[in-house]
Each structure stands twice: as C-alpha cells, then as structure tokens.
Amino acid sequence: MSRLVALEWNESEARLVIGVWRRGRVVVEQALAAPLEGATGAADVGRRLAAALAGRGFGRMDALVALGRA
C-alpha cells in the first residue's frame, strides 16, 4: 500500500493530507496543519513540518506539493 502526503501552504500555515492508494483511488487517512508564522527560512519550515508529522507513525512517503501562482 503506497502512502502519500499532499502539501499546500501560505505564509501562516502548511496544510497536509495523508492518504493511501486503495483500489485505484486515494483514501484520506489524516489531515493536519502546521503553523508557519515567524518561520525564519526553509530549514525552520522543514522542522515545523517534521514536528507536525512526528509521533503519528508515518515513515517515508511520496509527496504532492501545490504551489500558488503568487
């Protein structure tokens, strides 16, 4: 079973949806948000995303990332 994480964000928070492929479609397992206000760079954002996922039992996943046009 292939698990993936979808990620979309703005200046204030990152929104994540964890899903799994089942019978040719994605079934959502969890949705969560990570605060990003005051983040001081890419490394800080990465730490905040890791903290939001920590302790939830997820290993490595494929990622889908949405980038806004702005």
Protein backbone atom coordinates (compact mmCIF):
# COMPACT_ATOMS: atom_id res chain seq x y z
CA MET A 1 0.00 0.00 0.00
CA SER A 2 1.56 3.29 -1.12
CA ARG A 3 1.10 6.22 1.27
CA LEU A 4 1.45 9.84 0.18
CA VAL A 5 1.30 13.31 1.66
CA ALA A 6 -0.27 16.30 -0.08
CA LEU A 7 1.10 19.69 1.00
CA GLU A 8 -0.26 23.19 0.41
CA TRP A 9 0.75 26.31 2.28
CA ASN A 10 0.71 30.07 2.66
CA GLU A 11 2.58 32.48 4.94
CA SER A 12 0.68 31.47 8.07
CA GLU A 13 0.35 27.67 7.88
CA ALA A 14 1.00 24.49 5.96
CA ARG A 15 -1.89 22.11 5.39
CA LEU A 16 -1.14 18.40 4.99
CA VAL A 17 -3.34 15.48 3.97
CA ILE A 18 -2.08 11.93 4.41
CA GLY A 19 -3.62 9.35 2.12
CA VAL A 20 -3.17 5.82 0.88
CA TRP A 21 -3.81 4.21 -2.51
CA ARG A 22 -6.68 1.69 -2.31
CA ARG A 23 -8.37 0.12 -5.31
CA GLY A 24 -7.13 2.77 -7.72
CA ARG A 25 -8.04 5.82 -5.65
CA VAL A 26 -6.69 7.81 -2.73
CA VAL A 27 -8.34 7.39 0.66
CA VAL A 28 -7.61 10.19 3.16
CA GLU A 29 -6.28 8.93 6.49
CA GLN A 30 -5.48 12.21 8.27
CA ALA A 31 -5.49 15.96 7.71
CA LEU A 32 -3.49 18.41 9.79
CA ALA A 33 -1.98 21.88 9.80
CA ALA A 34 1.42 23.19 10.89
CA PRO A 35 1.85 26.86 11.89
CA LEU A 36 4.41 28.74 9.80
CA GLU A 37 4.09 32.30 11.13
CA GLY A 38 7.50 33.59 12.11
CA ALA A 39 9.39 30.84 10.25
CA THR A 40 12.92 32.03 9.51
CA GLY A 41 13.73 30.02 6.39
CA ALA A 42 13.46 26.67 4.64
CA ALA A 43 15.17 24.73 7.45
CA ASP A 44 12.75 26.18 10.01
CA VAL A 45 9.76 25.31 7.81
CA GLY A 46 11.11 21.77 7.47
CA ARG A 47 11.43 21.43 11.24
CA ARG A 48 7.86 22.61 11.72
CA LEU A 49 6.53 20.15 9.15
CA ALA A 50 8.54 17.33 10.75
CA ALA A 51 7.18 18.28 14.18
CA ALA A 52 3.59 18.20 12.86
CA LEU A 53 4.14 14.68 11.49
CA ALA A 54 6.17 13.37 14.44
CA GLY A 55 4.58 10.69 16.56
CA ARG A 56 1.91 9.83 14.01
CA GLY A 57 3.61 6.63 12.85
CA PHE A 58 4.31 7.68 9.28
CA GLY A 59 7.52 6.66 7.58
CA ARG A 60 8.73 7.81 4.20
CA MET A 61 6.00 8.91 1.79
CA ASP A 62 5.67 10.23 -1.73
CA ALA A 63 4.73 13.92 -1.74
CA LEU A 64 2.30 16.01 -3.79
CA VAL A 65 3.04 19.73 -3.46
CA ALA A 66 0.77 22.58 -4.58
CA LEU A 67 2.43 25.89 -5.46
CA GLY A 68 0.37 29.04 -5.80
CA ARG A 69 0.89 31.37 -8.72
CA ALA A 70 1.71 34.26 -6.41
